[in-house]
Protein backbone atom coordinates (compact mmCIF):
# COMPACT_ATOMS: atom_id res chain seq x y z
CA UNK A 1 0.00 0.00 0.00
CA UNK A 2 1.34 3.40 -0.97
CA UNK A 3 0.78 6.29 1.40
CA UNK A 4 -1.52 9.05 0.02
CA UNK A 5 -1.62 7.39 -3.41
CA UNK A 6 -4.87 9.04 -4.57
CA UNK A 7 -3.69 12.51 -3.59
CA UNK A 8 -0.29 11.96 -5.22
CA UNK A 9 -1.97 10.69 -8.40
CA UNK A 10 -4.29 13.72 -8.48
CA UNK A 11 -1.33 16.09 -8.29
CA UNK A 12 0.49 13.92 -10.85
CA UNK A 13 -2.48 14.19 -13.22
CA UNK A 14 -2.44 17.96 -12.89
CA UNK A 15 1.32 18.03 -13.63
CA UNK A 16 0.80 15.64 -16.56
CA UNK A 17 -1.91 17.86 -18.10
CA UNK A 18 0.47 20.81 -17.76
CA UNK A 19 3.24 18.88 -19.58
CA UNK A 20 0.86 17.66 -22.28
CA UNK A 21 -0.12 21.24 -23.17
CA UNK A 22 3.51 21.89 -24.13
CA UNK A 23 4.03 18.55 -25.90
CA UNK A 24 3.83 18.56 -29.67
CA UNK A 25 3.71 15.38 -31.69
CA UNK A 26 3.00 14.56 -35.31
CA UNK A 27 0.36 11.90 -35.80
CA UNK A 28 0.83 9.74 -38.87
CA UNK A 29 -0.05 6.19 -39.82
CA UNK A 30 2.22 3.88 -41.78
CA UNK A 31 1.99 0.31 -42.97
CA UNK A 32 3.90 -2.23 -40.94
CA UNK A 33 6.23 -2.73 -43.92
CA UNK A 34 7.09 1.02 -43.93
CA UNK A 35 7.69 1.36 -40.19
CA UNK A 36 11.36 1.72 -39.22
CA UNK A 37 11.24 2.19 -35.44
CA UNK A 38 8.75 0.84 -32.90
CA UNK A 39 8.28 1.35 -29.17
CA UNK A 40 6.49 -1.32 -27.12
CA UNK A 41 5.00 -0.70 -23.68
CA UNK A 42 3.70 -3.70 -21.75
CA UNK A 43 2.69 -4.99 -18.33
CA UNK A 44 5.80 -6.89 -17.20
CA UNK A 45 4.03 -8.52 -14.24
CA UNK A 46 2.21 -10.84 -16.67
CA UNK A 47 4.38 -13.73 -17.85
CA UNK A 48 2.03 -14.25 -20.79
CA UNK A 49 2.62 -10.68 -21.96
CA UNK A 50 6.38 -10.92 -21.45
CA UNK A 51 6.61 -14.02 -23.64
CA UNK A 52 4.30 -12.64 -26.33
CA UNK A 53 6.14 -9.31 -26.47
CA UNK A 54 9.56 -10.97 -26.69
CA UNK A 55 8.32 -13.13 -29.57
CA UNK A 56 6.82 -10.06 -31.29
CA UNK A 57 10.11 -8.15 -30.88
CA UNK A 58 11.91 -11.04 -32.55
CA UNK A 59 9.42 -10.93 -35.47
CA UNK A 60 9.83 -7.16 -35.83
CA UNK A 61 13.62 -7.47 -35.80
CA UNK A 62 13.38 -10.03 -38.63
CA UNK A 63 11.48 -7.36 -40.61
CA UNK A 64 14.41 -4.98 -39.98
CA UNK A 65 12.34 -2.82 -37.61
CA UNK A 66 14.25 -1.26 -34.73
CA UNK A 67 12.48 -1.89 -31.42
CA UNK A 68 12.69 -0.55 -27.90
CA UNK A 69 10.45 -1.98 -25.22
CA UNK A 70 9.52 -0.89 -21.71
CA UNK A 71 8.04 -3.41 -19.30
CA UNK A 72 6.24 -1.87 -16.33
CA UNK A 73 5.73 -3.34 -12.84
CA UNK A 74 3.15 -1.47 -10.75
CA UNK A 75 5.14 -2.18 -7.56
CA UNK A 76 8.32 -0.82 -6.00
CA UNK A 77 10.05 -4.18 -6.21
CA UNK A 78 9.09 -6.95 -8.65
CA UNK A 79 8.95 -10.55 -7.40
CA UNK A 80 11.75 -11.62 -9.72
CA UNK A 81 14.90 -9.90 -10.94
CA UNK A 82 14.77 -9.09 -14.63
CA UNK A 83 17.77 -8.06 -16.63
CA UNK A 84 17.32 -5.05 -18.88
CA UNK A 85 19.28 -4.37 -22.02
CA UNK A 86 19.32 -1.66 -24.69
CA UNK A 87 16.17 -2.94 -26.43
CA UNK A 88 14.15 -4.14 -23.44
CA UNK A 89 13.98 -2.25 -20.15
CA UNK A 90 12.02 -3.26 -17.06
CA UNK A 91 10.76 -0.46 -14.82
CA UNK A 92 9.02 -0.30 -11.47
CA UNK A 93 7.59 2.49 -9.35
CA UNK A 94 11.17 3.35 -8.32
CA UNK A 95 11.62 4.76 -11.84
CA UNK A 96 8.84 7.30 -11.24
CA UNK A 97 8.74 10.47 -9.18
CA UNK A 98 6.76 11.03 -5.99
CA UNK A 99 3.80 12.03 -8.18
CA UNK A 100 4.20 8.96 -10.46
CA UNK A 101 5.69 10.79 -13.45
CA UNK A 102 8.73 9.36 -15.30
CA UNK A 103 11.93 10.04 -13.36
CA UNK A 104 14.62 7.58 -14.40
CA UNK A 105 16.75 8.25 -17.44
CA UNK A 106 15.60 5.08 -19.24
CA UNK A 107 11.87 5.79 -18.86
CA UNK A 108 12.29 9.45 -19.80
CA UNK A 109 14.34 8.45 -22.84
CA UNK A 110 11.59 6.00 -23.86
CA UNK A 111 8.94 8.73 -23.70
CA UNK A 112 11.10 11.29 -25.52
CA UNK A 113 11.83 9.02 -28.49
CA UNK A 114 9.78 9.56 -31.65
CA UNK A 115 9.16 6.06 -33.00
CA UNK A 116 6.87 5.49 -35.96
CA UNK A 117 4.52 3.53 -33.68
CA UNK A 118 4.01 2.71 -30.01
CA UNK A 119 2.30 -0.61 -29.31
CA UNK A 120 0.69 -0.61 -25.86
CA UNK A 121 0.09 -4.09 -24.43
CA UNK A 122 -0.86 -2.90 -20.93
CA UNK A 123 -4.32 -4.21 -20.06
CA UNK A 124 -4.60 -2.26 -16.81
CA UNK A 125 -4.73 1.49 -16.38
CA UNK A 126 -2.30 2.41 -13.60
CA UNK A 127 -1.47 6.12 -13.51
CA UNK A 128 2.30 5.69 -14.06
CA UNK A 129 1.55 3.58 -17.17
CA UNK A 130 -0.91 6.21 -18.35
CA UNK A 131 1.74 8.91 -17.89
CA UNK A 132 4.23 6.98 -20.05
CA UNK A 133 1.68 6.43 -22.83
CA UNK A 134 0.48 10.04 -22.76
CA UNK A 135 3.99 11.51 -22.75
CA UNK A 136 5.21 9.32 -25.60
CA UNK A 137 6.02 11.23 -28.78
CA UNK A 138 5.25 8.28 -31.05
CA UNK A 139 3.66 9.11 -34.39
CA UNK A 140 1.00 6.41 -33.85
CA UNK A 141 -0.13 4.86 -30.57
CA UNK A 142 -1.87 1.49 -30.82
CA UNK A 143 -3.52 -0.48 -28.02
CA UNK A 144 -6.62 -1.94 -26.41
CA UNK A 145 -9.89 -0.07 -26.67
CA UNK A 146 -11.18 1.67 -23.56
CA UNK A 147 -7.81 2.28 -21.91
CA UNK A 148 -5.73 5.43 -21.41
CA UNK A 149 -8.47 7.87 -22.37
CA UNK A 150 -7.69 9.70 -25.61
CA UNK A 151 -3.98 8.86 -25.56
CA UNK A 152 -4.22 6.06 -28.13
CA UNK A 153 -4.71 6.85 -31.82
CA UNK A 154 -5.73 3.37 -32.99
CA UNK A 155 -7.53 0.98 -30.66
CA UNK A 156 -8.76 -2.58 -30.99
CA UNK A 157 -11.57 -4.09 -28.97
CA UNK A 158 -10.37 -7.52 -27.93
CA UNK A 159 -12.57 -9.49 -25.55
CA UNK A 160 -9.95 -11.17 -23.36
CA UNK A 161 -7.16 -8.55 -23.74
CA UNK A 162 -4.73 -11.25 -24.85
CA UNK A 163 -1.46 -9.93 -26.28
CA UNK A 164 -1.67 -12.45 -29.12
CA UNK A 165 -4.98 -10.91 -30.20
CA UNK A 166 -3.50 -7.41 -30.31
CA UNK A 167 -0.45 -8.65 -32.24
CA UNK A 168 -2.77 -10.33 -34.76
CA UNK A 169 -4.77 -7.09 -35.19
CA UNK A 170 -1.59 -5.03 -35.61
CA UNK A 171 -0.35 -7.40 -38.34
CA UNK A 172 -3.74 -7.37 -40.07
CA UNK A 173 -4.52 -3.64 -40.02
CA UNK A 174 -1.07 -2.13 -40.26
C-alpha atoms as a PDB file:
ATOM      1  CA  UNK A   1       0.000   0.000   0.000  1.00  0.00           C
ATOM      2  CA  UNK A   2       1.337   3.400  -0.967  1.00  0.00           C
ATOM      3  CA  UNK A   3       0.781   6.290   1.404  1.00  0.00           C
ATOM      4  CA  UNK A   4      -1.520   9.051   0.017  1.00  0.00           C
ATOM      5  CA  UNK A   5      -1.621   7.389  -3.407  1.00  0.00           C
ATOM      6  CA  UNK A   6      -4.872   9.043  -4.568  1.00  0.00           C
ATOM      7  CA  UNK A   7      -3.685  12.513  -3.589  1.00  0.00           C
ATOM      8  CA  UNK A   8      -0.288  11.962  -5.222  1.00  0.00           C
ATOM      9  CA  UNK A   9      -1.969  10.693  -8.404  1.00  0.00           C
ATOM     10  CA  UNK A  10      -4.291  13.723  -8.479  1.00  0.00           C
ATOM     11  CA  UNK A  11      -1.326  16.092  -8.289  1.00  0.00           C
ATOM     12  CA  UNK A  12       0.489  13.924 -10.850  1.00  0.00           C
ATOM     13  CA  UNK A  13      -2.484  14.185 -13.223  1.00  0.00           C
ATOM     14  CA  UNK A  14      -2.437  17.960 -12.895  1.00  0.00           C
ATOM     15  CA  UNK A  15       1.320  18.034 -13.628  1.00  0.00           C
ATOM     16  CA  UNK A  16       0.795  15.639 -16.559  1.00  0.00           C
ATOM     17  CA  UNK A  17      -1.910  17.856 -18.098  1.00  0.00           C
ATOM     18  CA  UNK A  18       0.471  20.806 -17.756  1.00  0.00           C
ATOM     19  CA  UNK A  19       3.235  18.883 -19.582  1.00  0.00           C
ATOM     20  CA  UNK A  20       0.858  17.658 -22.279  1.00  0.00           C
ATOM     21  CA  UNK A  21      -0.121  21.237 -23.172  1.00  0.00           C
ATOM     22  CA  UNK A  22       3.511  21.886 -24.128  1.00  0.00           C
ATOM     23  CA  UNK A  23       4.029  18.549 -25.899  1.00  0.00           C
ATOM     24  CA  UNK A  24       3.828  18.562 -29.667  1.00  0.00           C
ATOM     25  CA  UNK A  25       3.705  15.376 -31.693  1.00  0.00           C
ATOM     26  CA  UNK A  26       3.002  14.560 -35.308  1.00  0.00           C
ATOM     27  CA  UNK A  27       0.355  11.899 -35.799  1.00  0.00           C
ATOM     28  CA  UNK A  28       0.834   9.741 -38.872  1.00  0.00           C
ATOM     29  CA  UNK A  29      -0.047   6.188 -39.823  1.00  0.00           C
ATOM     30  CA  UNK A  30       2.223   3.877 -41.783  1.00  0.00           C
ATOM     31  CA  UNK A  31       1.985   0.308 -42.967  1.00  0.00           C
ATOM     32  CA  UNK A  32       3.904  -2.234 -40.941  1.00  0.00           C
ATOM     33  CA  UNK A  33       6.232  -2.725 -43.918  1.00  0.00           C
ATOM     34  CA  UNK A  34       7.094   1.016 -43.925  1.00  0.00           C
ATOM     35  CA  UNK A  35       7.695   1.362 -40.188  1.00  0.00           C
ATOM     36  CA  UNK A  36      11.363   1.717 -39.218  1.00  0.00           C
ATOM     37  CA  UNK A  37      11.241   2.186 -35.436  1.00  0.00           C
ATOM     38  CA  UNK A  38       8.747   0.843 -32.896  1.00  0.00           C
ATOM     39  CA  UNK A  39       8.279   1.348 -29.172  1.00  0.00           C
ATOM     40  CA  UNK A  40       6.494  -1.315 -27.124  1.00  0.00           C
ATOM     41  CA  UNK A  41       4.996  -0.698 -23.680  1.00  0.00           C
ATOM     42  CA  UNK A  42       3.699  -3.698 -21.747  1.00  0.00           C
ATOM     43  CA  UNK A  43       2.694  -4.993 -18.328  1.00  0.00           C
ATOM     44  CA  UNK A  44       5.796  -6.892 -17.199  1.00  0.00           C
ATOM     45  CA  UNK A  45       4.030  -8.520 -14.242  1.00  0.00           C
ATOM     46  CA  UNK A  46       2.211 -10.837 -16.669  1.00  0.00           C
ATOM     47  CA  UNK A  47       4.378 -13.728 -17.847  1.00  0.00           C
ATOM     48  CA  UNK A  48       2.030 -14.251 -20.790  1.00  0.00           C
ATOM     49  CA  UNK A  49       2.623 -10.676 -21.962  1.00  0.00           C
ATOM     50  CA  UNK A  50       6.382 -10.920 -21.447  1.00  0.00           C
ATOM     51  CA  UNK A  51       6.612 -14.023 -23.638  1.00  0.00           C
ATOM     52  CA  UNK A  52       4.300 -12.637 -26.328  1.00  0.00           C
ATOM     53  CA  UNK A  53       6.139  -9.306 -26.469  1.00  0.00           C
ATOM     54  CA  UNK A  54       9.561 -10.967 -26.686  1.00  0.00           C
ATOM     55  CA  UNK A  55       8.325 -13.132 -29.572  1.00  0.00           C
ATOM     56  CA  UNK A  56       6.819 -10.058 -31.288  1.00  0.00           C
ATOM     57  CA  UNK A  57      10.106  -8.152 -30.877  1.00  0.00           C
ATOM     58  CA  UNK A  58      11.907 -11.044 -32.551  1.00  0.00           C
ATOM     59  CA  UNK A  59       9.415 -10.934 -35.467  1.00  0.00           C
ATOM     60  CA  UNK A  60       9.833  -7.162 -35.829  1.00  0.00           C
ATOM     61  CA  UNK A  61      13.623  -7.473 -35.803  1.00  0.00           C
ATOM     62  CA  UNK A  62      13.384 -10.026 -38.632  1.00  0.00           C
ATOM     63  CA  UNK A  63      11.480  -7.364 -40.609  1.00  0.00           C
ATOM     64  CA  UNK A  64      14.412  -4.975 -39.977  1.00  0.00           C
ATOM     65  CA  UNK A  65      12.336  -2.823 -37.615  1.00  0.00           C
ATOM     66  CA  UNK A  66      14.247  -1.264 -34.725  1.00  0.00           C
ATOM     67  CA  UNK A  67      12.480  -1.887 -31.420  1.00  0.00           C
ATOM     68  CA  UNK A  68      12.695  -0.547 -27.903  1.00  0.00           C
ATOM     69  CA  UNK A  69      10.448  -1.975 -25.218  1.00  0.00           C
ATOM     70  CA  UNK A  70       9.519  -0.886 -21.713  1.00  0.00           C
ATOM     71  CA  UNK A  71       8.039  -3.411 -19.305  1.00  0.00           C
ATOM     72  CA  UNK A  72       6.241  -1.872 -16.326  1.00  0.00           C
ATOM     73  CA  UNK A  73       5.733  -3.343 -12.840  1.00  0.00           C
ATOM     74  CA  UNK A  74       3.149  -1.471 -10.749  1.00  0.00           C
ATOM     75  CA  UNK A  75       5.140  -2.176  -7.563  1.00  0.00           C
ATOM     76  CA  UNK A  76       8.317  -0.822  -6.002  1.00  0.00           C
ATOM     77  CA  UNK A  77      10.053  -4.184  -6.210  1.00  0.00           C
ATOM     78  CA  UNK A  78       9.091  -6.955  -8.651  1.00  0.00           C
ATOM     79  CA  UNK A  79       8.948 -10.548  -7.397  1.00  0.00           C
ATOM     80  CA  UNK A  80      11.751 -11.615  -9.723  1.00  0.00           C
ATOM     81  CA  UNK A  81      14.901  -9.903 -10.940  1.00  0.00           C
ATOM     82  CA  UNK A  82      14.768  -9.091 -14.626  1.00  0.00           C
ATOM     83  CA  UNK A  83      17.771  -8.062 -16.632  1.00  0.00           C
ATOM     84  CA  UNK A  84      17.320  -5.048 -18.876  1.00  0.00           C
ATOM     85  CA  UNK A  85      19.285  -4.370 -22.016  1.00  0.00           C
ATOM     86  CA  UNK A  86      19.317  -1.658 -24.686  1.00  0.00           C
ATOM     87  CA  UNK A  87      16.170  -2.937 -26.430  1.00  0.00           C
ATOM     88  CA  UNK A  88      14.151  -4.140 -23.436  1.00  0.00           C
ATOM     89  CA  UNK A  89      13.978  -2.245 -20.149  1.00  0.00           C
ATOM     90  CA  UNK A  90      12.017  -3.263 -17.064  1.00  0.00           C
ATOM     91  CA  UNK A  91      10.758  -0.461 -14.822  1.00  0.00           C
ATOM     92  CA  UNK A  92       9.018  -0.303 -11.473  1.00  0.00           C
ATOM     93  CA  UNK A  93       7.587   2.492  -9.349  1.00  0.00           C
ATOM     94  CA  UNK A  94      11.168   3.348  -8.325  1.00  0.00           C
ATOM     95  CA  UNK A  95      11.615   4.759 -11.843  1.00  0.00           C
ATOM     96  CA  UNK A  96       8.841   7.300 -11.243  1.00  0.00           C
ATOM     97  CA  UNK A  97       8.737  10.475  -9.183  1.00  0.00           C
ATOM     98  CA  UNK A  98       6.758  11.031  -5.994  1.00  0.00           C
ATOM     99  CA  UNK A  99       3.800  12.028  -8.176  1.00  0.00           C
ATOM    100  CA  UNK A 100       4.198   8.963 -10.465  1.00  0.00           C
ATOM    101  CA  UNK A 101       5.692  10.795 -13.448  1.00  0.00           C
ATOM    102  CA  UNK A 102       8.727   9.356 -15.303  1.00  0.00           C
ATOM    103  CA  UNK A 103      11.930  10.043 -13.357  1.00  0.00           C
ATOM    104  CA  UNK A 104      14.623   7.575 -14.396  1.00  0.00           C
ATOM    105  CA  UNK A 105      16.747   8.252 -17.440  1.00  0.00           C
ATOM    106  CA  UNK A 106      15.603   5.084 -19.235  1.00  0.00           C
ATOM    107  CA  UNK A 107      11.871   5.792 -18.859  1.00  0.00           C
ATOM    108  CA  UNK A 108      12.292   9.451 -19.805  1.00  0.00           C
ATOM    109  CA  UNK A 109      14.343   8.449 -22.841  1.00  0.00           C
ATOM    110  CA  UNK A 110      11.594   5.996 -23.857  1.00  0.00           C
ATOM    111  CA  UNK A 111       8.940   8.730 -23.696  1.00  0.00           C
ATOM    112  CA  UNK A 112      11.096  11.295 -25.519  1.00  0.00           C
ATOM    113  CA  UNK A 113      11.833   9.020 -28.495  1.00  0.00           C
ATOM    114  CA  UNK A 114       9.780   9.560 -31.646  1.00  0.00           C
ATOM    115  CA  UNK A 115       9.162   6.065 -33.003  1.00  0.00           C
ATOM    116  CA  UNK A 116       6.868   5.489 -35.964  1.00  0.00           C
ATOM    117  CA  UNK A 117       4.523   3.528 -33.684  1.00  0.00           C
ATOM    118  CA  UNK A 118       4.006   2.714 -30.006  1.00  0.00           C
ATOM    119  CA  UNK A 119       2.297  -0.606 -29.313  1.00  0.00           C
ATOM    120  CA  UNK A 120       0.687  -0.612 -25.858  1.00  0.00           C
ATOM    121  CA  UNK A 121       0.093  -4.085 -24.428  1.00  0.00           C
ATOM    122  CA  UNK A 122      -0.862  -2.901 -20.934  1.00  0.00           C
ATOM    123  CA  UNK A 123      -4.324  -4.211 -20.063  1.00  0.00           C
ATOM    124  CA  UNK A 124      -4.605  -2.257 -16.807  1.00  0.00           C
ATOM    125  CA  UNK A 125      -4.733   1.486 -16.376  1.00  0.00           C
ATOM    126  CA  UNK A 126      -2.304   2.409 -13.603  1.00  0.00           C
ATOM    127  CA  UNK A 127      -1.475   6.115 -13.514  1.00  0.00           C
ATOM    128  CA  UNK A 128       2.300   5.690 -14.063  1.00  0.00           C
ATOM    129  CA  UNK A 129       1.551   3.583 -17.168  1.00  0.00           C
ATOM    130  CA  UNK A 130      -0.913   6.212 -18.355  1.00  0.00           C
ATOM    131  CA  UNK A 131       1.736   8.907 -17.892  1.00  0.00           C
ATOM    132  CA  UNK A 132       4.229   6.984 -20.051  1.00  0.00           C
ATOM    133  CA  UNK A 133       1.680   6.432 -22.825  1.00  0.00           C
ATOM    134  CA  UNK A 134       0.475  10.041 -22.755  1.00  0.00           C
ATOM    135  CA  UNK A 135       3.994  11.513 -22.749  1.00  0.00           C
ATOM    136  CA  UNK A 136       5.213   9.320 -25.595  1.00  0.00           C
ATOM    137  CA  UNK A 137       6.018  11.232 -28.784  1.00  0.00           C
ATOM    138  CA  UNK A 138       5.255   8.277 -31.048  1.00  0.00           C
ATOM    139  CA  UNK A 139       3.658   9.107 -34.390  1.00  0.00           C
ATOM    140  CA  UNK A 140       1.002   6.413 -33.854  1.00  0.00           C
ATOM    141  CA  UNK A 141      -0.132   4.862 -30.571  1.00  0.00           C
ATOM    142  CA  UNK A 142      -1.874   1.492 -30.823  1.00  0.00           C
ATOM    143  CA  UNK A 143      -3.516  -0.478 -28.015  1.00  0.00           C
ATOM    144  CA  UNK A 144      -6.617  -1.941 -26.413  1.00  0.00           C
ATOM    145  CA  UNK A 145      -9.894  -0.066 -26.671  1.00  0.00           C
ATOM    146  CA  UNK A 146     -11.179   1.672 -23.556  1.00  0.00           C
ATOM    147  CA  UNK A 147      -7.813   2.276 -21.909  1.00  0.00           C
ATOM    148  CA  UNK A 148      -5.725   5.427 -21.409  1.00  0.00           C
ATOM    149  CA  UNK A 149      -8.471   7.873 -22.372  1.00  0.00           C
ATOM    150  CA  UNK A 150      -7.694   9.697 -25.607  1.00  0.00           C
ATOM    151  CA  UNK A 151      -3.976   8.858 -25.555  1.00  0.00           C
ATOM    152  CA  UNK A 152      -4.221   6.061 -28.133  1.00  0.00           C
ATOM    153  CA  UNK A 153      -4.710   6.850 -31.820  1.00  0.00           C
ATOM    154  CA  UNK A 154      -5.730   3.372 -32.993  1.00  0.00           C
ATOM    155  CA  UNK A 155      -7.526   0.984 -30.663  1.00  0.00           C
ATOM    156  CA  UNK A 156      -8.763  -2.582 -30.989  1.00  0.00           C
ATOM    157  CA  UNK A 157     -11.567  -4.086 -28.969  1.00  0.00           C
ATOM    158  CA  UNK A 158     -10.374  -7.520 -27.933  1.00  0.00           C
ATOM    159  CA  UNK A 159     -12.573  -9.492 -25.552  1.00  0.00           C
ATOM    160  CA  UNK A 160      -9.945 -11.167 -23.357  1.00  0.00           C
ATOM    161  CA  UNK A 161      -7.162  -8.552 -23.737  1.00  0.00           C
ATOM    162  CA  UNK A 162      -4.728 -11.253 -24.847  1.00  0.00           C
ATOM    163  CA  UNK A 163      -1.455  -9.931 -26.283  1.00  0.00           C
ATOM    164  CA  UNK A 164      -1.672 -12.451 -29.125  1.00  0.00           C
ATOM    165  CA  UNK A 165      -4.983 -10.906 -30.197  1.00  0.00           C
ATOM    166  CA  UNK A 166      -3.497  -7.412 -30.312  1.00  0.00           C
ATOM    167  CA  UNK A 167      -0.450  -8.655 -32.238  1.00  0.00           C
ATOM    168  CA  UNK A 168      -2.767 -10.326 -34.758  1.00  0.00           C
ATOM    169  CA  UNK A 169      -4.774  -7.093 -35.188  1.00  0.00           C
ATOM    170  CA  UNK A 170      -1.592  -5.032 -35.613  1.00  0.00           C
ATOM    171  CA  UNK A 171      -0.352  -7.396 -38.343  1.00  0.00           C
ATOM    172  CA  UNK A 172      -3.737  -7.368 -40.067  1.00  0.00           C
ATOM    173  CA  UNK A 173      -4.523  -3.645 -40.018  1.00  0.00           C
ATOM    174  CA  UNK A 174      -1.066  -2.128 -40.264  1.00  0.00           C
END
